[in-house]
């Protein structure tokens, strides 16, 4: 049986990390505006997706 070495790609962790970063920043704006909270979540998600594309493209 041929065993293949599985290479773990951790570039997808940037998406979750960006979302958590947006969540943390959004909690500071939550008392001011709910829409700012949602905007921080979407901004963090977008940042994470951009970082994933950049990191994934290098390989």
Protein backbone atom coordinates (compact mmCIF):
# COMPACT_ATOMS: atom_id res chain seq x y z
CA UNK A 1 0.00 0.00 0.00
CA UNK A 2 1.36 3.37 -1.02
CA UNK A 3 1.32 5.96 1.77
CA UNK A 4 1.17 9.60 0.82
CA UNK A 5 2.54 12.33 3.00
CA UNK A 6 -0.20 14.77 3.85
CA UNK A 7 1.01 18.35 3.75
CA UNK A 8 -1.11 20.50 6.02
CA UNK A 9 -2.07 23.84 4.53
CA UNK A 10 -2.67 26.34 7.30
CA UNK A 11 -3.35 29.28 4.99
CA UNK A 12 -7.09 28.73 5.51
CA UNK A 13 -6.61 29.61 9.18
CA UNK A 14 -6.32 33.24 8.06
CA UNK A 15 -10.05 33.31 7.28
CA UNK A 16 -11.03 32.24 10.77
CA UNK A 17 -8.41 34.49 12.31
CA UNK A 18 -9.69 37.50 10.39
CA UNK A 19 -13.23 36.74 11.46
CA UNK A 20 -12.20 36.50 15.11
CA UNK A 21 -10.24 39.73 14.77
CA UNK A 22 -13.33 41.45 13.35
CA UNK A 23 -15.40 40.03 16.21
CA UNK A 24 -13.00 41.42 18.80
CA UNK A 25 -12.89 44.87 17.20
CA UNK A 26 -16.65 44.80 16.71
CA UNK A 27 -17.27 44.38 20.44
CA UNK A 28 -15.76 47.84 21.00
CA UNK A 29 -18.29 49.36 18.59
CA UNK A 30 -21.26 47.30 19.74
CA UNK A 31 -22.57 49.92 22.19
CA UNK A 32 -22.32 52.66 19.59
CA UNK A 33 -23.95 50.87 16.65
CA UNK A 34 -24.97 47.35 15.74
CA UNK A 35 -24.23 48.07 12.10
CA UNK A 36 -20.64 48.94 12.99
CA UNK A 37 -20.38 45.56 14.72
CA UNK A 38 -21.61 43.77 11.62
CA UNK A 39 -19.31 45.88 9.46
CA UNK A 40 -16.31 44.85 11.59
CA UNK A 41 -17.28 41.20 11.19
CA UNK A 42 -17.53 41.55 7.42
CA UNK A 43 -14.29 43.53 7.26
CA UNK A 44 -12.46 40.87 9.27
CA UNK A 45 -13.85 38.13 7.04
CA UNK A 46 -12.79 40.01 3.92
CA UNK A 47 -9.31 40.60 5.33
CA UNK A 48 -8.99 36.90 6.17
CA UNK A 49 -10.07 35.87 2.68
CA UNK A 50 -7.56 38.23 1.09
CA UNK A 51 -4.78 36.90 3.29
CA UNK A 52 -5.76 33.32 2.43
CA UNK A 53 -5.54 34.10 -1.28
CA UNK A 54 -2.13 35.74 -0.86
CA UNK A 55 -0.68 32.94 1.29
CA UNK A 56 -2.18 30.20 -0.90
CA UNK A 57 -0.84 31.77 -4.07
CA UNK A 58 2.78 31.59 -2.93
CA UNK A 59 2.90 27.79 -2.97
